[in-house]
């Protein structure tokens, strides 16, 4: 069974950095997009960054120039390098992969359970 597990969250001061990882395990045939979402208290979940199969990336405006999404296809892992963090980046961060599990003929969305990022002095 496919599972996505995030790691790397924590407490950091404003201006600091964190690197999130999301590793997919289980039988996986193919992965399309890898995405990072976040959800702050009282707000809707929002797409922060995405990377396509071809390596094309997309970011929301508020993180452009500060966050970098990358991936390691051999490890079925996505990363989110977050620099110059701000208090408004505080949220639970979720990874989301559009992937085809072994034995399946369709791509489905899979989600991690989330990792807390808190930016505070």
N, C-alpha and C. Protein backbone atom coordinates (compact mmCIF):
# COMPACT_ATOMS: atom_id res chain seq x y z
N UNK A 1 0.84 -1.19 0.00
CA UNK A 1 0.00 0.00 0.00
C UNK A 1 0.88 1.24 0.00
N UNK A 2 0.52 2.19 -0.85
CA UNK A 2 1.32 3.40 -0.99
C UNK A 2 1.14 4.29 0.23
N UNK A 3 2.24 4.80 0.73
CA UNK A 3 2.21 5.76 1.84
C UNK A 3 3.16 6.90 1.53
N UNK A 4 2.77 8.11 1.96
CA UNK A 4 3.63 9.28 1.87
C UNK A 4 3.93 9.74 3.29
N UNK A 5 5.19 9.95 3.56
CA UNK A 5 5.60 10.35 4.90
C UNK A 5 6.46 11.61 4.81
N UNK A 6 5.98 12.67 5.48
CA UNK A 6 6.73 13.92 5.52
C UNK A 6 7.67 13.95 6.72
N UNK A 7 8.72 14.73 6.59
CA UNK A 7 9.63 14.96 7.70
C UNK A 7 10.29 16.31 7.51
N UNK A 8 10.89 16.82 8.59
CA UNK A 8 11.66 18.05 8.48
C UNK A 8 11.01 19.28 9.06
N UNK A 9 9.79 19.17 9.54
CA UNK A 9 9.14 20.32 10.13
C UNK A 9 9.73 20.66 11.49
N UNK A 10 9.28 21.78 12.06
CA UNK A 10 9.76 22.17 13.37
C UNK A 10 9.56 23.63 13.65
N UNK A 11 10.22 24.09 14.69
CA UNK A 11 10.16 25.49 15.11
C UNK A 11 11.42 26.20 14.66
N UNK A 12 11.24 27.35 14.02
CA UNK A 12 12.39 28.10 13.52
C UNK A 12 12.12 29.59 13.71
N UNK A 13 13.17 30.36 13.90
CA UNK A 13 13.01 31.81 14.05
C UNK A 13 12.80 32.46 12.69
N UNK A 14 12.18 33.62 12.67
CA UNK A 14 12.05 34.34 11.40
C UNK A 14 13.41 34.55 10.75
N UNK A 15 13.44 34.33 9.43
CA UNK A 15 14.69 34.41 8.69
C UNK A 15 15.42 33.09 8.60
N UNK A 16 14.98 32.10 9.34
CA UNK A 16 15.63 30.81 9.33
C UNK A 16 15.20 29.94 8.16
N UNK A 17 15.72 28.71 8.16
CA UNK A 17 15.46 27.78 7.05
C UNK A 17 15.05 26.41 7.58
N UNK A 18 14.27 25.73 6.78
CA UNK A 18 13.91 24.33 7.02
C UNK A 18 13.87 23.62 5.68
N UNK A 19 14.10 22.33 5.72
CA UNK A 19 13.97 21.51 4.52
C UNK A 19 13.01 20.37 4.82
N UNK A 20 11.90 20.36 4.10
CA UNK A 20 10.92 19.30 4.24
C UNK A 20 11.21 18.19 3.23
N UNK A 21 10.92 16.97 3.62
CA UNK A 21 11.04 15.83 2.73
C UNK A 21 9.73 15.06 2.73
N UNK A 22 9.43 14.44 1.62
CA UNK A 22 8.25 13.59 1.51
C UNK A 22 8.65 12.36 0.71
N UNK A 23 8.63 11.23 1.36
CA UNK A 23 9.03 9.98 0.72
C UNK A 23 7.82 9.10 0.51
N UNK A 24 7.67 8.61 -0.70
CA UNK A 24 6.59 7.67 -1.02
C UNK A 24 7.12 6.25 -0.99
N UNK A 25 6.37 5.37 -0.36
CA UNK A 25 6.77 3.97 -0.29
C UNK A 25 5.59 3.09 -0.69
N UNK A 26 5.90 1.81 -0.90
CA UNK A 26 4.88 0.89 -1.39
C UNK A 26 5.08 0.67 -2.87
N UNK A 27 4.21 -0.07 -3.46
CA UNK A 27 4.34 -0.36 -4.89
C UNK A 27 3.95 0.83 -5.73
N UNK A 28 4.91 1.43 -6.42
CA UNK A 28 4.66 2.62 -7.23
C UNK A 28 5.14 2.37 -8.65
N UNK A 29 4.27 2.60 -9.61
CA UNK A 29 4.64 2.43 -11.01
C UNK A 29 5.15 3.73 -11.63
N UNK A 30 4.46 4.82 -11.29
CA UNK A 30 4.80 6.08 -11.95
C UNK A 30 4.29 7.24 -11.11
N UNK A 31 5.01 8.35 -11.17
CA UNK A 31 4.59 9.57 -10.46
C UNK A 31 4.52 10.72 -11.45
N UNK A 32 3.40 11.40 -11.46
CA UNK A 32 3.28 12.63 -12.24
C UNK A 32 3.77 13.78 -11.39
N UNK A 33 2.85 14.59 -10.91
CA UNK A 33 3.23 15.78 -10.15
C UNK A 33 3.47 15.44 -8.69
N UNK A 34 4.38 16.20 -8.11
CA UNK A 34 4.61 16.17 -6.67
C UNK A 34 4.33 17.58 -6.17
N UNK A 35 3.51 17.68 -5.14
CA UNK A 35 3.05 18.98 -4.67
C UNK A 35 3.24 19.13 -3.17
N UNK A 36 3.42 20.37 -2.77
CA UNK A 36 3.40 20.73 -1.36
C UNK A 36 2.25 21.71 -1.12
N UNK A 37 1.40 21.38 -0.15
CA UNK A 37 0.32 22.25 0.28
C UNK A 37 0.60 22.67 1.73
N UNK A 38 -0.11 23.69 2.16
CA UNK A 38 -0.05 24.06 3.57
C UNK A 38 -1.43 24.55 4.02
N UNK A 39 -1.66 24.41 5.31
CA UNK A 39 -2.92 24.87 5.88
C UNK A 39 -2.64 25.51 7.23
N UNK A 40 -2.94 26.78 7.32
CA UNK A 40 -2.81 27.51 8.58
C UNK A 40 -4.15 27.47 9.31
N UNK A 41 -4.15 27.64 10.62
CA UNK A 41 -5.40 27.59 11.39
C UNK A 41 -6.43 28.58 10.86
N UNK A 42 -7.63 28.08 10.62
CA UNK A 42 -8.71 28.93 10.17
C UNK A 42 -8.69 29.27 8.70
N UNK A 43 -7.72 28.75 7.97
CA UNK A 43 -7.61 29.06 6.55
C UNK A 43 -7.73 27.79 5.72
N UNK A 44 -8.01 27.98 4.44
CA UNK A 44 -8.10 26.83 3.53
C UNK A 44 -6.71 26.33 3.17
N UNK A 45 -6.65 25.07 2.84
CA UNK A 45 -5.40 24.50 2.37
C UNK A 45 -5.04 25.13 1.04
N UNK A 46 -3.79 25.49 0.87
CA UNK A 46 -3.34 26.11 -0.37
C UNK A 46 -2.14 25.39 -0.95
N UNK A 47 -2.09 25.40 -2.28
CA UNK A 47 -0.95 24.81 -2.99
C UNK A 47 0.22 25.78 -2.92
N UNK A 48 1.32 25.32 -2.36
CA UNK A 48 2.50 26.16 -2.19
C UNK A 48 3.46 26.02 -3.37
N UNK A 49 3.73 24.79 -3.75
CA UNK A 49 4.71 24.55 -4.81
C UNK A 49 4.42 23.20 -5.44
N UNK A 50 4.76 23.09 -6.71
CA UNK A 50 4.58 21.83 -7.41
C UNK A 50 5.73 21.62 -8.37
N UNK A 51 5.99 20.35 -8.68
CA UNK A 51 7.01 19.99 -9.66
C UNK A 51 6.45 18.87 -10.52
N UNK A 52 6.55 19.03 -11.81
CA UNK A 52 5.98 18.06 -12.74
C UNK A 52 6.96 16.93 -13.01
N UNK A 53 6.49 15.94 -13.75
CA UNK A 53 7.34 14.83 -14.14
C UNK A 53 8.59 15.33 -14.87
N UNK A 54 8.40 16.37 -15.69
CA UNK A 54 9.51 16.92 -16.48
C UNK A 54 10.38 17.89 -15.69
N UNK A 55 10.00 18.16 -14.45
CA UNK A 55 10.81 19.05 -13.63
C UNK A 55 10.37 20.49 -13.66
N UNK A 56 9.27 20.78 -14.31
CA UNK A 56 8.77 22.15 -14.31
C UNK A 56 8.19 22.47 -12.92
N UNK A 57 8.47 23.65 -12.46
CA UNK A 57 8.05 24.03 -11.11
C UNK A 57 7.08 25.21 -11.12
N UNK A 58 6.29 25.27 -10.06
CA UNK A 58 5.32 26.35 -9.89
C UNK A 58 5.28 26.70 -8.41
N UNK A 59 5.18 28.02 -8.14
CA UNK A 59 5.12 28.49 -6.75
C UNK A 59 4.03 29.54 -6.61
N UNK A 60 3.44 29.62 -5.43
CA UNK A 60 2.57 30.76 -5.17
C UNK A 60 3.46 31.98 -4.97
N UNK A 61 2.88 33.14 -5.23
CA UNK A 61 3.68 34.37 -5.22
C UNK A 61 4.36 34.63 -3.89
N UNK A 62 3.70 34.29 -2.81
CA UNK A 62 4.22 34.64 -1.49
C UNK A 62 5.50 33.89 -1.12
N UNK A 63 5.83 32.82 -1.83
CA UNK A 63 7.04 32.05 -1.50
C UNK A 63 8.09 32.10 -2.60
N UNK A 64 7.78 32.75 -3.70
CA UNK A 64 8.74 32.82 -4.81
C UNK A 64 10.02 33.51 -4.35
N UNK A 65 11.14 32.90 -4.70
CA UNK A 65 12.43 33.43 -4.30
C UNK A 65 12.88 32.98 -2.93
N UNK A 66 11.99 32.33 -2.18
CA UNK A 66 12.36 31.86 -0.84
C UNK A 66 12.29 30.33 -0.74
N UNK A 67 11.34 29.73 -1.41
CA UNK A 67 11.15 28.28 -1.36
C UNK A 67 11.61 27.65 -2.68
N UNK A 68 12.14 26.44 -2.58
CA UNK A 68 12.54 25.69 -3.76
C UNK A 68 12.06 24.25 -3.62
N UNK A 69 11.30 23.81 -4.62
CA UNK A 69 10.86 22.42 -4.65
C UNK A 69 11.79 21.63 -5.55
N UNK A 70 12.09 20.41 -5.13
CA UNK A 70 12.94 19.53 -5.94
C UNK A 70 12.50 18.09 -5.69
N UNK A 71 13.10 17.17 -6.44
CA UNK A 71 12.72 15.77 -6.27
C UNK A 71 13.88 14.86 -6.60
N UNK A 72 13.77 13.64 -6.09
CA UNK A 72 14.70 12.57 -6.41
C UNK A 72 13.86 11.42 -6.91
N UNK A 73 13.82 11.24 -8.21
CA UNK A 73 12.95 10.22 -8.80
C UNK A 73 13.32 8.81 -8.33
N UNK A 74 14.61 8.57 -8.17
CA UNK A 74 15.04 7.23 -7.76
C UNK A 74 14.56 6.88 -6.36
N UNK A 75 14.36 7.90 -5.54
CA UNK A 75 13.92 7.68 -4.16
C UNK A 75 12.43 7.97 -3.98
N UNK A 76 11.74 8.34 -5.06
CA UNK A 76 10.32 8.72 -4.95
C UNK A 76 10.12 9.75 -3.84
N UNK A 77 10.97 10.73 -3.84
CA UNK A 77 10.99 11.72 -2.75
C UNK A 77 10.95 13.14 -3.31
N UNK A 78 10.17 13.97 -2.65
CA UNK A 78 10.12 15.39 -2.97
C UNK A 78 10.66 16.17 -1.78
N UNK A 79 11.22 17.33 -2.09
CA UNK A 79 11.79 18.19 -1.05
C UNK A 79 11.22 19.60 -1.20
N UNK A 80 11.19 20.30 -0.09
CA UNK A 80 10.83 21.71 -0.11
C UNK A 80 11.84 22.44 0.77
N UNK A 81 12.75 23.14 0.12
CA UNK A 81 13.73 23.96 0.84
C UNK A 81 13.09 25.32 1.09
N UNK A 82 12.99 25.69 2.36
CA UNK A 82 12.33 26.94 2.73
C UNK A 82 13.34 27.85 3.42
N UNK A 83 13.62 28.96 2.79
CA UNK A 83 14.58 29.93 3.32
C UNK A 83 13.87 31.23 3.68
N UNK A 84 14.53 32.03 4.49
CA UNK A 84 13.98 33.33 4.90
C UNK A 84 12.53 33.18 5.35
N UNK A 85 12.31 32.25 6.25
CA UNK A 85 10.96 31.97 6.69
C UNK A 85 10.36 33.13 7.46
N UNK A 86 9.06 33.29 7.30
CA UNK A 86 8.31 34.37 7.93
C UNK A 86 7.22 33.78 8.83
N UNK A 87 6.76 34.54 9.81
CA UNK A 87 5.69 34.02 10.67
C UNK A 87 4.46 33.58 9.89
N UNK A 88 4.17 34.23 8.78
CA UNK A 88 3.00 33.87 7.99
C UNK A 88 3.18 32.55 7.24
N UNK A 89 4.38 31.98 7.29
CA UNK A 89 4.59 30.65 6.72
C UNK A 89 4.19 29.53 7.69
N UNK A 90 3.85 29.91 8.91
CA UNK A 90 3.44 28.93 9.90
C UNK A 90 2.19 28.19 9.44
N UNK A 91 2.27 26.87 9.41
CA UNK A 91 1.17 26.04 8.93
C UNK A 91 1.56 24.57 9.06
N UNK A 92 0.59 23.71 8.83
CA UNK A 92 0.88 22.30 8.62
C UNK A 92 1.11 22.12 7.12
N UNK A 93 2.23 21.51 6.79
CA UNK A 93 2.60 21.30 5.40
C UNK A 93 2.34 19.85 5.01
N UNK A 94 1.65 19.67 3.89
CA UNK A 94 1.28 18.36 3.39
C UNK A 94 1.90 18.12 2.03
N UNK A 95 2.38 16.92 1.79
CA UNK A 95 2.79 16.57 0.44
C UNK A 95 1.66 15.80 -0.24
N UNK A 96 1.63 15.92 -1.52
CA UNK A 96 0.59 15.30 -2.34
C UNK A 96 1.22 14.85 -3.65
N UNK A 97 1.09 13.58 -3.96
CA UNK A 97 1.63 13.02 -5.20
C UNK A 97 0.49 12.51 -6.06
N UNK A 98 0.58 12.77 -7.33
CA UNK A 98 -0.32 12.18 -8.32
C UNK A 98 0.42 10.98 -8.90
N UNK A 99 0.04 9.78 -8.46
CA UNK A 99 0.85 8.63 -8.84
C UNK A 99 0.00 7.43 -9.20
N UNK A 100 0.64 6.50 -9.90
CA UNK A 100 0.01 5.24 -10.27
C UNK A 100 0.65 4.13 -9.44
N UNK A 101 -0.16 3.47 -8.65
CA UNK A 101 0.34 2.37 -7.84
C UNK A 101 0.54 1.13 -8.70
N UNK A 102 1.39 0.26 -8.25
CA UNK A 102 1.63 -0.99 -8.97
C UNK A 102 0.33 -1.77 -9.09
N UNK A 103 0.08 -2.29 -10.29
CA UNK A 103 -1.13 -3.05 -10.51
C UNK A 103 -2.34 -2.21 -10.85
N UNK A 104 -2.18 -0.90 -10.84
CA UNK A 104 -3.27 0.00 -11.17
C UNK A 104 -3.08 0.56 -12.57
N UNK A 105 -4.16 1.04 -13.15
CA UNK A 105 -4.11 1.66 -14.46
C UNK A 105 -4.44 3.15 -14.42
N UNK A 106 -4.61 3.65 -13.20
CA UNK A 106 -5.02 5.03 -13.06
C UNK A 106 -4.08 5.77 -12.11
N UNK A 107 -4.03 7.09 -12.31
CA UNK A 107 -3.32 7.95 -11.39
C UNK A 107 -4.30 8.44 -10.33
N UNK A 108 -3.85 8.43 -9.09
CA UNK A 108 -4.67 8.91 -7.98
C UNK A 108 -3.86 9.88 -7.14
N UNK A 109 -4.58 10.72 -6.40
CA UNK A 109 -3.94 11.60 -5.44
C UNK A 109 -3.67 10.86 -4.14
N UNK A 110 -2.44 10.96 -3.66
CA UNK A 110 -2.06 10.43 -2.35
C UNK A 110 -1.54 11.58 -1.50
N UNK A 111 -1.85 11.51 -0.21
CA UNK A 111 -1.49 12.57 0.71
C UNK A 111 -0.69 12.06 1.90
N UNK A 112 0.25 12.89 2.34
CA UNK A 112 0.89 12.62 3.61
C UNK A 112 0.04 13.13 4.75
N UNK A 113 0.47 12.85 5.97
CA UNK A 113 -0.30 13.26 7.15
C UNK A 113 0.02 14.67 7.59
N UNK A 114 1.07 15.23 7.07
CA UNK A 114 1.42 16.61 7.40
C UNK A 114 2.53 16.73 8.41
N UNK A 115 3.23 17.85 8.32
CA UNK A 115 4.28 18.17 9.29
C UNK A 115 4.14 19.65 9.67
N UNK A 116 4.26 19.93 10.95
CA UNK A 116 4.04 21.29 11.44
C UNK A 116 5.30 22.13 11.23
N UNK A 117 5.09 23.32 10.68
CA UNK A 117 6.16 24.32 10.57
C UNK A 117 5.70 25.55 11.34
N UNK A 118 6.49 25.94 12.31
CA UNK A 118 6.18 27.12 13.12
C UNK A 118 7.33 28.10 13.04
N UNK A 119 7.01 29.32 12.63
CA UNK A 119 8.02 30.37 12.51
C UNK A 119 7.71 31.43 13.57
N UNK A 120 8.56 31.50 14.55
CA UNK A 120 8.30 32.40 15.68
C UNK A 120 9.59 32.72 16.41
N UNK A 121 9.65 33.93 16.95
CA UNK A 121 10.81 34.30 17.75
C UNK A 121 10.54 34.05 19.23
